[in-house]
PDB file of all heavy atoms in Angstrom:
ATOM      1  N   ILE A   1      22.223  23.204 -11.977  1.00  0.00           N
ATOM      2  CA  ILE A   1      22.332  22.481 -13.262  1.00  0.00           C
ATOM      3  C   ILE A   1      20.987  22.502 -13.922  1.00  0.00           C
ATOM      4  O   ILE A   1      19.947  22.067 -13.302  1.00  0.00           O
ATOM      5  CB  ILE A   1      22.783  21.006 -13.037  1.00  0.00           C
ATOM      6  CG1 ILE A   1      24.033  20.974 -12.187  1.00  0.00           C
ATOM      7  CG2 ILE A   1      22.938  20.298 -14.381  1.00  0.00           C
ATOM      8  CD1 ILE A   1      25.307  21.600 -12.769  1.00  0.00           C
ATOM      9  N   VAL A   2      20.888  22.962 -15.173  1.00  0.00           N
ATOM     10  CA  VAL A   2      19.671  22.905 -15.965  1.00  0.00           C
ATOM     11  C   VAL A   2      19.787  21.679 -16.839  1.00  0.00           C
ATOM     12  O   VAL A   2      20.755  21.431 -17.534  1.00  0.00           O
ATOM     13  CB  VAL A   2      19.512  24.168 -16.789  1.00  0.00           C
ATOM     14  CG1 VAL A   2      18.295  24.072 -17.667  1.00  0.00           C
ATOM     15  CG2 VAL A   2      19.476  25.425 -15.909  1.00  0.00           C
ATOM     16  N   PHE A   3      18.720  20.822 -16.828  1.00  0.00           N
ATOM     17  CA  PHE A   3      18.725  19.595 -17.601  1.00  0.00           C
ATOM     18  C   PHE A   3      17.369  19.152 -18.054  1.00  0.00           C
ATOM     19  O   PHE A   3      16.386  19.658 -17.566  1.00  0.00           O
ATOM     20  CB  PHE A   3      19.468  18.454 -16.809  1.00  0.00           C
ATOM     21  CG  PHE A   3      18.738  18.040 -15.619  1.00  0.00           C
ATOM     22  CD1 PHE A   3      17.915  16.880 -15.563  1.00  0.00           C
ATOM     23  CD2 PHE A   3      18.869  18.708 -14.372  1.00  0.00           C
ATOM     24  CE1 PHE A   3      17.281  16.513 -14.430  1.00  0.00           C
ATOM     25  CE2 PHE A   3      18.248  18.374 -13.235  1.00  0.00           C
ATOM     26  CZ  PHE A   3      17.434  17.203 -13.214  1.00  0.00           C
ATOM     27  N   GLU A   4      17.350  18.273 -19.007  1.00  0.00           N
ATOM     28  CA  GLU A   4      16.084  17.736 -19.609  1.00  0.00           C
ATOM     29  C   GLU A   4      15.976  16.274 -19.284  1.00  0.00           C
ATOM     30  O   GLU A   4      16.976  15.630 -18.883  1.00  0.00           O
ATOM     31  CB  GLU A   4      16.135  17.960 -21.163  1.00  0.00           C
ATOM     32  CG  GLU A   4      16.252  19.357 -21.594  1.00  0.00           C
ATOM     33  CD  GLU A   4      14.954  20.141 -21.414  1.00  0.00           C
ATOM     34  OE1 GLU A   4      13.872  19.536 -21.468  1.00  0.00           O
ATOM     35  OE2 GLU A   4      14.999  21.364 -21.111  1.00  0.00           O
ATOM     36  N   PRO A   5      14.766  15.693 -19.456  1.00  0.00           N
ATOM     37  CA  PRO A   5      14.597  14.274 -19.155  1.00  0.00           C
ATOM     38  C   PRO A   5      15.612  13.321 -19.897  1.00  0.00           C
ATOM     39  O   PRO A   5      16.064  12.326 -19.324  1.00  0.00           O
ATOM     40  CB  PRO A   5      13.188  13.966 -19.624  1.00  0.00           C
ATOM     41  CG  PRO A   5      12.501  15.294 -19.535  1.00  0.00           C
ATOM     42  CD  PRO A   5      13.508  16.315 -19.863  1.00  0.00           C
ATOM     43  N   GLU A   6      15.979  13.669 -21.113  1.00  0.00           N
ATOM     44  CA  GLU A   6      16.914  12.806 -21.848  1.00  0.00           C
ATOM     45  C   GLU A   6      18.324  12.779 -21.239  1.00  0.00           C
ATOM     46  O   GLU A   6      19.163  11.927 -21.582  1.00  0.00           O
ATOM     47  CB  GLU A   6      16.979  13.182 -23.316  1.00  0.00           C
ATOM     48  CG  GLU A   6      17.457  14.640 -23.606  1.00  0.00           C
ATOM     49  CD  GLU A   6      16.352  15.641 -23.723  1.00  0.00           C
ATOM     50  OE1 GLU A   6      15.253  15.399 -23.264  1.00  0.00           O
ATOM     51  OE2 GLU A   6      16.632  16.692 -24.314  1.00  0.00           O
ATOM     52  N   HIS A   7      18.643  13.666 -20.319  1.00  0.00           N
ATOM     53  CA  HIS A   7      19.937  13.696 -19.699  1.00  0.00           C
ATOM     54  C   HIS A   7      20.033  12.792 -18.443  1.00  0.00           C
ATOM     55  O   HIS A   7      21.106  12.587 -17.899  1.00  0.00           O
ATOM     56  CB  HIS A   7      20.325  15.117 -19.258  1.00  0.00           C
ATOM     57  CG  HIS A   7      20.349  16.059 -20.420  1.00  0.00           C
ATOM     58  ND1 HIS A   7      19.628  17.189 -20.501  1.00  0.00           N
ATOM     59  CD2 HIS A   7      21.073  15.976 -21.590  1.00  0.00           C
ATOM     60  CE1 HIS A   7      19.886  17.813 -21.625  1.00  0.00           C
ATOM     61  NE2 HIS A   7      20.736  17.073 -22.338  1.00  0.00           N
ATOM     62  N   VAL A   8      18.854  12.234 -18.011  1.00  0.00           N
ATOM     63  CA  VAL A   8      18.804  11.471 -16.790  1.00  0.00           C
ATOM     64  C   VAL A   8      19.257  10.026 -17.049  1.00  0.00           C
ATOM     65  O   VAL A   8      18.632   9.294 -17.828  1.00  0.00           O
ATOM     66  CB  VAL A   8      17.387  11.461 -16.170  1.00  0.00           C
ATOM     67  CG1 VAL A   8      17.286  10.601 -14.921  1.00  0.00           C
ATOM     68  CG2 VAL A   8      17.000  12.921 -15.814  1.00  0.00           C
ATOM     69  N   ALA A   9      20.358   9.618 -16.401  1.00  0.00           N
ATOM     70  CA  ALA A   9      20.839   8.236 -16.564  1.00  0.00           C
ATOM     71  C   ALA A   9      20.330   7.308 -15.512  1.00  0.00           C
ATOM     72  O   ALA A   9      20.266   6.080 -15.682  1.00  0.00           O
ATOM     73  CB  ALA A   9      22.363   8.259 -16.560  1.00  0.00           C
ATOM     74  N   ALA A  10      19.975   7.832 -14.329  1.00  0.00           N
ATOM     75  CA  ALA A  10      19.471   6.996 -13.221  1.00  0.00           C
ATOM     76  C   ALA A  10      18.635   7.899 -12.298  1.00  0.00           C
ATOM     77  O   ALA A  10      18.870   9.079 -12.176  1.00  0.00           O
ATOM     78  CB  ALA A  10      20.612   6.355 -12.465  1.00  0.00           C
ATOM     79  N   VAL A  11      17.713   7.239 -11.577  1.00  0.00           N
ATOM     80  CA  VAL A  11      16.941   7.954 -10.524  1.00  0.00           C
ATOM     81  C   VAL A  11      17.087   7.134  -9.272  1.00  0.00           C
ATOM     82  O   VAL A  11      16.969   5.903  -9.259  1.00  0.00           O
ATOM     83  CB  VAL A  11      15.415   7.923 -10.928  1.00  0.00           C
ATOM     84  CG1 VAL A  11      14.593   8.562  -9.816  1.00  0.00           C
ATOM     85  CG2 VAL A  11      15.164   8.728 -12.254  1.00  0.00           C
ATOM     86  N   LEU A  12      17.504   7.838  -8.197  1.00  0.00           N
ATOM     87  CA  LEU A  12      17.652   7.186  -6.895  1.00  0.00           C
ATOM     88  C   LEU A  12      16.285   6.796  -6.337  1.00  0.00           C
ATOM     89  O   LEU A  12      15.396   7.578  -6.242  1.00  0.00           O
ATOM     90  CB  LEU A  12      18.343   8.106  -5.895  1.00  0.00           C
ATOM     91  CG  LEU A  12      18.559   7.559  -4.475  1.00  0.00           C
ATOM     92  CD1 LEU A  12      19.623   6.486  -4.541  1.00  0.00           C
ATOM     93  CD2 LEU A  12      18.926   8.696  -3.543  1.00  0.00           C
ATOM     94  N   ILE A  13      16.170   5.489  -6.007  1.00  0.00           N
ATOM     95  CA  ILE A  13      14.898   4.983  -5.372  1.00  0.00           C
ATOM     96  C   ILE A  13      15.285   4.708  -3.925  1.00  0.00           C
ATOM     97  O   ILE A  13      16.072   3.823  -3.597  1.00  0.00           O
ATOM     98  CB  ILE A  13      14.425   3.701  -6.099  1.00  0.00           C
ATOM     99  CG1 ILE A  13      14.113   4.039  -7.572  1.00  0.00           C
ATOM    100  CG2 ILE A  13      13.236   3.133  -5.378  1.00  0.00           C
ATOM    101  CD1 ILE A  13      13.699   2.877  -8.408  1.00  0.00           C
ATOM    102  N   ARG A  14      14.709   5.510  -3.071  1.00  0.00           N
ATOM    103  CA  ARG A  14      14.995   5.430  -1.628  1.00  0.00           C
ATOM    104  C   ARG A  14      14.315   4.182  -1.027  1.00  0.00           C
ATOM    105  O   ARG A  14      13.361   3.699  -1.556  1.00  0.00           O
ATOM    106  CB  ARG A  14      14.490   6.729  -0.954  1.00  0.00           C
ATOM    107  CG  ARG A  14      15.185   7.939  -1.523  1.00  0.00           C
ATOM    108  CD  ARG A  14      14.677   9.210  -0.848  1.00  0.00           C
ATOM    109  NE  ARG A  14      15.075  10.388  -1.562  1.00  0.00           N
ATOM    110  CZ  ARG A  14      16.259  10.996  -1.409  1.00  0.00           C
ATOM    111  NH1 ARG A  14      17.130  10.489  -0.572  1.00  0.00           N
ATOM    112  NH2 ARG A  14      16.626  12.037  -2.053  1.00  0.00           N
ATOM    113  N   LYS A  15      14.895   3.746   0.059  1.00  0.00           N
ATOM    114  CA  LYS A  15      14.401   2.522   0.742  1.00  0.00           C
ATOM    115  C   LYS A  15      12.946   2.733   1.245  1.00  0.00           C
ATOM    116  O   LYS A  15      12.232   1.759   1.483  1.00  0.00           O
ATOM    117  CB  LYS A  15      15.266   2.158   1.933  1.00  0.00           C
ATOM    118  CG  LYS A  15      16.592   1.533   1.472  1.00  0.00           C
ATOM    119  CD  LYS A  15      17.404   1.112   2.639  1.00  0.00           C
ATOM    120  CE  LYS A  15      18.740   0.537   2.205  1.00  0.00           C
ATOM    121  NZ  LYS A  15      19.515   0.142   3.362  1.00  0.00           N
ATOM    122  N   THR A  16      12.494   3.985   1.401  1.00  0.00           N
ATOM    123  CA  THR A  16      11.140   4.269   1.818  1.00  0.00           C
ATOM    124  C   THR A  16      10.152   4.224   0.696  1.00  0.00           C
ATOM    125  O   THR A  16       8.968   4.385   0.870  1.00  0.00           O
ATOM    126  CB  THR A  16      11.095   5.626   2.515  1.00  0.00           C
ATOM    127  OG1 THR A  16      11.619   6.579   1.588  1.00  0.00           O
ATOM    128  CG2 THR A  16      11.887   5.651   3.801  1.00  0.00           C
ATOM    129  N   ASP A  17      10.636   3.971  -0.554  1.00  0.00           N
ATOM    130  CA  ASP A  17       9.841   3.959  -1.732  1.00  0.00           C
ATOM    131  C   ASP A  17       9.378   2.501  -1.979  1.00  0.00           C
ATOM    132  O   ASP A  17      10.251   1.586  -2.020  1.00  0.00           O
ATOM    133  CB  ASP A  17      10.609   4.483  -2.929  1.00  0.00           C
ATOM    134  CG  ASP A  17       9.762   4.618  -4.206  1.00  0.00           C
ATOM    135  OD1 ASP A  17       8.935   3.739  -4.502  1.00  0.00           O
ATOM    136  OD2 ASP A  17       9.951   5.656  -4.896  1.00  0.00           O
ATOM    137  N   PRO A  18       8.109   2.211  -2.215  1.00  0.00           N
ATOM    138  CA  PRO A  18       7.673   0.835  -2.445  1.00  0.00           C
ATOM    139  C   PRO A  18       8.336   0.172  -3.665  1.00  0.00           C
ATOM    140  O   PRO A  18       8.368  -1.075  -3.738  1.00  0.00           O
ATOM    141  CB  PRO A  18       6.170   0.967  -2.730  1.00  0.00           C
ATOM    142  CG  PRO A  18       5.759   2.249  -2.029  1.00  0.00           C
ATOM    143  CD  PRO A  18       6.966   3.156  -2.105  1.00  0.00           C
ATOM    144  N   ARG A  19       8.921   0.953  -4.566  1.00  0.00           N
ATOM    145  CA  ARG A  19       9.612   0.321  -5.708  1.00  0.00           C
ATOM    146  C   ARG A  19      10.980  -0.191  -5.322  1.00  0.00           C
ATOM    147  O   ARG A  19      11.595  -0.985  -6.063  1.00  0.00           O
ATOM    148  CB  ARG A  19       9.809   1.378  -6.812  1.00  0.00           C
ATOM    149  CG  ARG A  19       8.497   1.873  -7.392  1.00  0.00           C
ATOM    150  CD  ARG A  19       8.717   2.998  -8.360  1.00  0.00           C
ATOM    151  NE  ARG A  19       9.386   4.140  -7.654  1.00  0.00           N
ATOM    152  CZ  ARG A  19      10.031   5.113  -8.229  1.00  0.00           C
ATOM    153  NH1 ARG A  19      10.184   5.127  -9.543  1.00  0.00           N
ATOM    154  NH2 ARG A  19      10.550   6.112  -7.541  1.00  0.00           N
ATOM    155  N   HIS A  20      11.549   0.171  -4.138  1.00  0.00           N
ATOM    156  CA  HIS A  20      12.819  -0.316  -3.699  1.00  0.00           C
ATOM    157  C   HIS A  20      12.763  -1.795  -3.408  1.00  0.00           C
ATOM    158  O   HIS A  20      11.822  -2.251  -2.753  1.00  0.00           O
ATOM    159  CB  HIS A  20      13.303   0.448  -2.466  1.00  0.00           C
ATOM    160  CG  HIS A  20      14.732   0.289  -2.181  1.00  0.00           C
ATOM    161  ND1 HIS A  20      15.237  -0.837  -1.516  1.00  0.00           N
ATOM    162  CD2 HIS A  20      15.822   1.023  -2.436  1.00  0.00           C
ATOM    163  CE1 HIS A  20      16.517  -0.753  -1.368  1.00  0.00           C
ATOM    164  NE2 HIS A  20      16.902   0.360  -1.926  1.00  0.00           N
ATOM    165  N   PRO A  21      13.757  -2.595  -3.837  1.00  0.00           N
ATOM    166  CA  PRO A  21      13.728  -4.050  -3.579  1.00  0.00           C
ATOM    167  C   PRO A  21      13.720  -4.414  -2.131  1.00  0.00           C
ATOM    168  O   PRO A  21      13.292  -5.553  -1.772  1.00  0.00           O
ATOM    169  CB  PRO A  21      14.937  -4.573  -4.329  1.00  0.00           C
ATOM    170  CG  PRO A  21      15.800  -3.389  -4.617  1.00  0.00           C
ATOM    171  CD  PRO A  21      14.947  -2.184  -4.593  1.00  0.00           C
ATOM    172  N   HIS A  22      14.179  -3.566  -1.234  1.00  0.00           N
ATOM    173  CA  HIS A  22      14.266  -3.909   0.181  1.00  0.00           C
ATOM    174  C   HIS A  22      13.197  -3.131   1.019  1.00  0.00           C
ATOM    175  O   HIS A  22      13.262  -3.081   2.197  1.00  0.00           O
ATOM    176  CB  HIS A  22      15.614  -3.610   0.758  1.00  0.00           C
ATOM    177  CG  HIS A  22      16.694  -4.394   0.111  1.00  0.00           C
ATOM    178  ND1 HIS A  22      16.756  -5.767   0.203  1.00  0.00           N
ATOM    179  CD2 HIS A  22      17.688  -4.048  -0.714  1.00  0.00           C
ATOM    180  CE1 HIS A  22      17.781  -6.203  -0.497  1.00  0.00           C
ATOM    181  NE2 HIS A  22      18.386  -5.197  -1.077  1.00  0.00           N
ATOM    182  N   TYR A  23      12.168  -2.544   0.275  1.00  0.00           N
ATOM    183  CA  TYR A  23      11.137  -1.850   0.980  1.00  0.00           C
ATOM    184  C   TYR A  23      10.329  -2.804   1.846  1.00  0.00           C
ATOM    185  O   TYR A  23       9.948  -3.880   1.458  1.00  0.00           O
ATOM    186  CB  TYR A  23      10.184  -1.198  -0.086  1.00  0.00           C
ATOM    187  CG  TYR A  23       8.990  -0.536   0.536  1.00  0.00           C
ATOM    188  CD1 TYR A  23       9.065   0.714   1.148  1.00  0.00           C
ATOM    189  CD2 TYR A  23       7.734  -1.129   0.460  1.00  0.00           C
ATOM    190  CE1 TYR A  23       7.988   1.339   1.694  1.00  0.00           C
ATOM    191  CE2 TYR A  23       6.626  -0.519   0.986  1.00  0.00           C
ATOM    192  CZ  TYR A  23       6.714   0.723   1.624  1.00  0.00           C
ATOM    193  OH  TYR A  23       5.661   1.306   2.143  1.00  0.00           O
ATOM    194  N   ARG A  24      10.126  -2.381   3.111  1.00  0.00           N
ATOM    195  CA  ARG A  24       9.330  -3.153   4.063  1.00  0.00           C
ATOM    196  C   ARG A  24       8.067  -2.435   4.503  1.00  0.00           C
ATOM    197  O   ARG A  24       7.157  -3.027   5.017  1.00  0.00           O
ATOM    198  CB  ARG A  24      10.148  -3.529   5.255  1.00  0.00           C
ATOM    199  CG  ARG A  24      11.279  -4.520   4.875  1.00  0.00           C
ATOM    200  CD  ARG A  24      11.955  -5.088   6.059  1.00  0.00           C
ATOM    201  NE  ARG A  24      12.170  -4.024   7.092  1.00  0.00           N
ATOM    202  CZ  ARG A  24      13.019  -4.176   8.058  1.00  0.00           C
ATOM    203  NH1 ARG A  24      13.751  -5.229   8.159  1.00  0.00           N
ATOM    204  NH2 ARG A  24      13.194  -3.185   8.964  1.00  0.00           N
ATOM    205  N   GLY A  25       8.090  -1.105   4.379  1.00  0.00           N
ATOM    206  CA  GLY A  25       6.913  -0.319   4.734  1.00  0.00           C
ATOM    207  C   GLY A  25       6.673  -0.176   6.243  1.00  0.00           C
ATOM    208  O   GLY A  25       5.639   0.304   6.674  1.00  0.00           O
ATOM    209  N   ASP A  26       7.644  -0.661   7.043  1.00  0.00           N
ATOM    210  CA  ASP A  26       7.473  -0.581   8.454  1.00  0.00           C
ATOM    211  C   ASP A  26       8.406   0.390   9.185  1.00  0.00           C
ATOM    212  O   ASP A  26       8.375   0.512  10.367  1.00  0.00           O
ATOM    213  CB  ASP A  26       7.566  -1.938   9.124  1.00  0.00           C
ATOM    214  CG  ASP A  26       8.926  -2.628   8.870  1.00  0.00           C
ATOM    215  OD1 ASP A  26       9.705  -2.049   8.089  1.00  0.00           O
ATOM    216  OD2 ASP A  26       9.190  -3.672   9.415  1.00  0.00           O
ATOM    217  N   GLY A  27       9.249   1.086   8.456  1.00  0.00           N
ATOM    218  CA  GLY A  27      10.171   2.013   9.014  1.00  0.00           C
ATOM    219  C   GLY A  27       9.585   3.406   9.141  1.00  0.00           C
ATOM    220  O   GLY A  27       8.544   3.710   8.598  1.00  0.00           O
ATOM    221  N   PRO A  28      10.233   4.207   9.988  1.00  0.00           N
ATOM    222  CA  PRO A  28       9.737   5.612  10.149  1.00  0.00           C
ATOM    223  C   PRO A  28       9.895   6.374   8.874  1.00  0.00           C
ATOM    224  O   PRO A  28      10.825   6.150   8.076  1.00  0.00           O
ATOM    225  CB  PRO A  28      10.618   6.181  11.273  1.00  0.00           C
ATOM    226  CG  PRO A  28      11.798   5.262  11.399  1.00  0.00           C
ATOM    227  CD  PRO A  28      11.391   3.941  10.780  1.00  0.00           C
ATOM    228  N   PRO A  29       8.957   7.319   8.594  1.00  0.00           N
ATOM    229  CA  PRO A  29       9.046   8.094   7.359  1.00  0.00           C
ATOM    230  C   PRO A  29      10.379   8.844   7.305  1.00  0.00           C
ATOM    231  O   PRO A  29      10.885   9.334   8.312  1.00  0.00           O
ATOM    232  CB  PRO A  29       7.907   9.073   7.433  1.00  0.00           C
ATOM    233  CG  PRO A  29       7.049   8.595   8.537  1.00  0.00           C
ATOM    234  CD  PRO A  29       7.846   7.670   9.397  1.00  0.00           C
TER     235      PRO A  29
END
């Protein structure tokens, strides 16, 4: 799929990302 930034409705934030609300920073990478 070819797309541009304006087509993005959401970005998945993984639990290993400090922006995730349940991020603890102590799990394995």
